[in-house]
Amino acid sequence: MIVRISGEGQFQLADTVRERVNELDNAAVAAVDAGDEAGFHTSFDQLLAMIRTDGERLPADDLHPSDVILPPADLSFAEAGEEFTGEGLIPD
């Protein structure tokens, strides 16, 4: 799975981490639904950190399409309410 973090670039993630990525995405959605700003930021920050740590950064000239595009790290809680809805950003 190739994930783009807006403003940072693309990362190739192994299928073995997909479940944990989905869990963090779902936790972010649940926090937004509950109006829990701190919980959202915790989940979203963990999601981004995991992608940066466990993913392999792809070169800037790599033309593979992204499977998922995540908002930038400085996403506000109000903006998250528009992005993190339903099943989340990462398809199961």
Protein backbone atom coordinates (compact mmCIF):
# COMPACT_ATOMS: atom_id res chain seq x y z
CA MET A 1 0.00 0.00 0.00
CA ILE A 2 1.30 3.44 -0.92
CA VAL A 3 0.30 6.26 1.41
CA ARG A 4 0.88 9.94 0.73
CA ILE A 5 1.06 12.36 3.64
CA SER A 6 0.17 15.73 2.16
CA GLY A 7 3.19 18.00 2.15
CA GLU A 8 5.62 15.20 3.05
CA GLY A 9 5.65 12.61 0.30
CA GLN A 10 4.82 8.97 -0.32
CA PHE A 11 5.56 5.91 1.78
CA GLN A 12 5.36 2.23 0.82
CA LEU A 13 3.82 0.18 3.63
CA ALA A 14 4.02 -3.58 3.98
CA ASP A 15 0.74 -5.48 4.11
CA THR A 16 1.71 -6.68 7.59
CA VAL A 17 1.06 -3.22 9.09
CA ARG A 18 -2.22 -2.58 7.29
CA GLU A 19 -4.35 -3.79 10.20
CA ARG A 20 -2.65 -1.45 12.68
CA VAL A 21 -2.96 1.46 10.23
CA ASN A 22 -6.69 0.73 9.94
CA GLU A 23 -7.03 0.60 13.73
CA LEU A 24 -5.44 4.04 14.11
CA ASP A 25 -7.56 5.46 11.29
CA ASN A 26 -10.71 4.05 12.91
CA ALA A 27 -9.66 5.45 16.29
CA ALA A 28 -9.26 8.90 14.70
CA VAL A 29 -12.74 8.64 13.16
CA ALA A 30 -14.24 7.55 16.50
CA ALA A 31 -12.59 10.47 18.29
CA VAL A 32 -13.94 12.95 15.73
CA ASP A 33 -17.42 11.43 16.03
CA ALA A 34 -17.20 11.74 19.83
CA GLY A 35 -15.97 15.36 19.70
CA ASP A 36 -12.72 14.25 21.38
CA GLU A 37 -10.10 16.62 20.00
CA ALA A 38 -7.26 15.30 22.18
CA GLY A 39 -8.12 11.71 21.26
CA PHE A 40 -8.15 12.60 17.58
CA HIS A 41 -4.73 14.25 17.72
CA THR A 42 -3.29 11.29 19.64
CA SER A 43 -4.59 8.77 17.09
CA PHE A 44 -3.69 10.87 14.05
CA ASP A 45 -0.19 11.60 15.37
CA GLN A 46 0.35 7.88 16.03
CA LEU A 47 -0.89 7.05 12.52
CA LEU A 48 1.51 9.51 10.90
CA ALA A 49 4.40 8.37 13.09
CA MET A 50 3.77 4.73 12.19
CA ILE A 51 3.72 5.50 8.48
CA ARG A 52 6.95 7.49 8.74
CA THR A 53 8.66 4.83 10.86
CA ASP A 54 7.38 1.58 9.33
CA GLY A 55 6.99 2.83 5.77
CA GLU A 56 9.70 3.17 3.18
CA ARG A 57 9.87 6.73 1.87
CA LEU A 58 9.59 6.71 -1.91
CA PRO A 59 11.70 9.04 -4.05
CA ALA A 60 10.05 12.32 -4.99
CA ASP A 61 10.18 11.36 -8.68
CA ASP A 62 8.32 8.05 -8.09
CA LEU A 63 5.16 8.15 -10.16
CA HIS A 64 3.21 5.35 -8.47
CA PRO A 65 -0.32 6.46 -7.60
CA SER A 66 -1.14 6.69 -3.91
CA ASP A 67 -3.67 4.23 -2.50
CA VAL A 68 -4.42 6.67 0.32
CA ILE A 69 -3.79 10.40 0.72
CA LEU A 70 -3.66 11.60 4.31
CA PRO A 71 -4.05 15.23 5.34
CA PRO A 72 -0.99 17.12 6.59
CA ALA A 73 0.23 16.76 10.16
CA ASP A 74 -1.06 20.22 11.10
CA LEU A 75 -4.69 19.30 10.33
CA SER A 76 -7.05 21.14 12.66
CA PHE A 77 -9.82 19.36 14.54
CA ALA A 78 -12.43 21.30 12.54
CA GLU A 79 -10.83 20.12 9.30
CA ALA A 80 -10.66 16.57 10.68
CA GLY A 81 -14.44 16.65 11.01
CA GLU A 82 -14.62 16.92 7.22
CA GLU A 83 -11.96 14.29 6.47
CA PHE A 84 -12.38 11.58 9.11
CA THR A 85 -15.92 10.34 8.59
CA GLY A 86 -17.67 7.06 7.93
CA GLU A 87 -15.14 4.31 7.38
CA GLY A 88 -12.19 6.68 7.58
CA LEU A 89 -9.50 7.54 5.09
CA ILE A 90 -7.96 4.10 4.75
CA PRO A 91 -10.07 1.44 3.06
CA ASP A 92 -10.38 -1.88 4.88
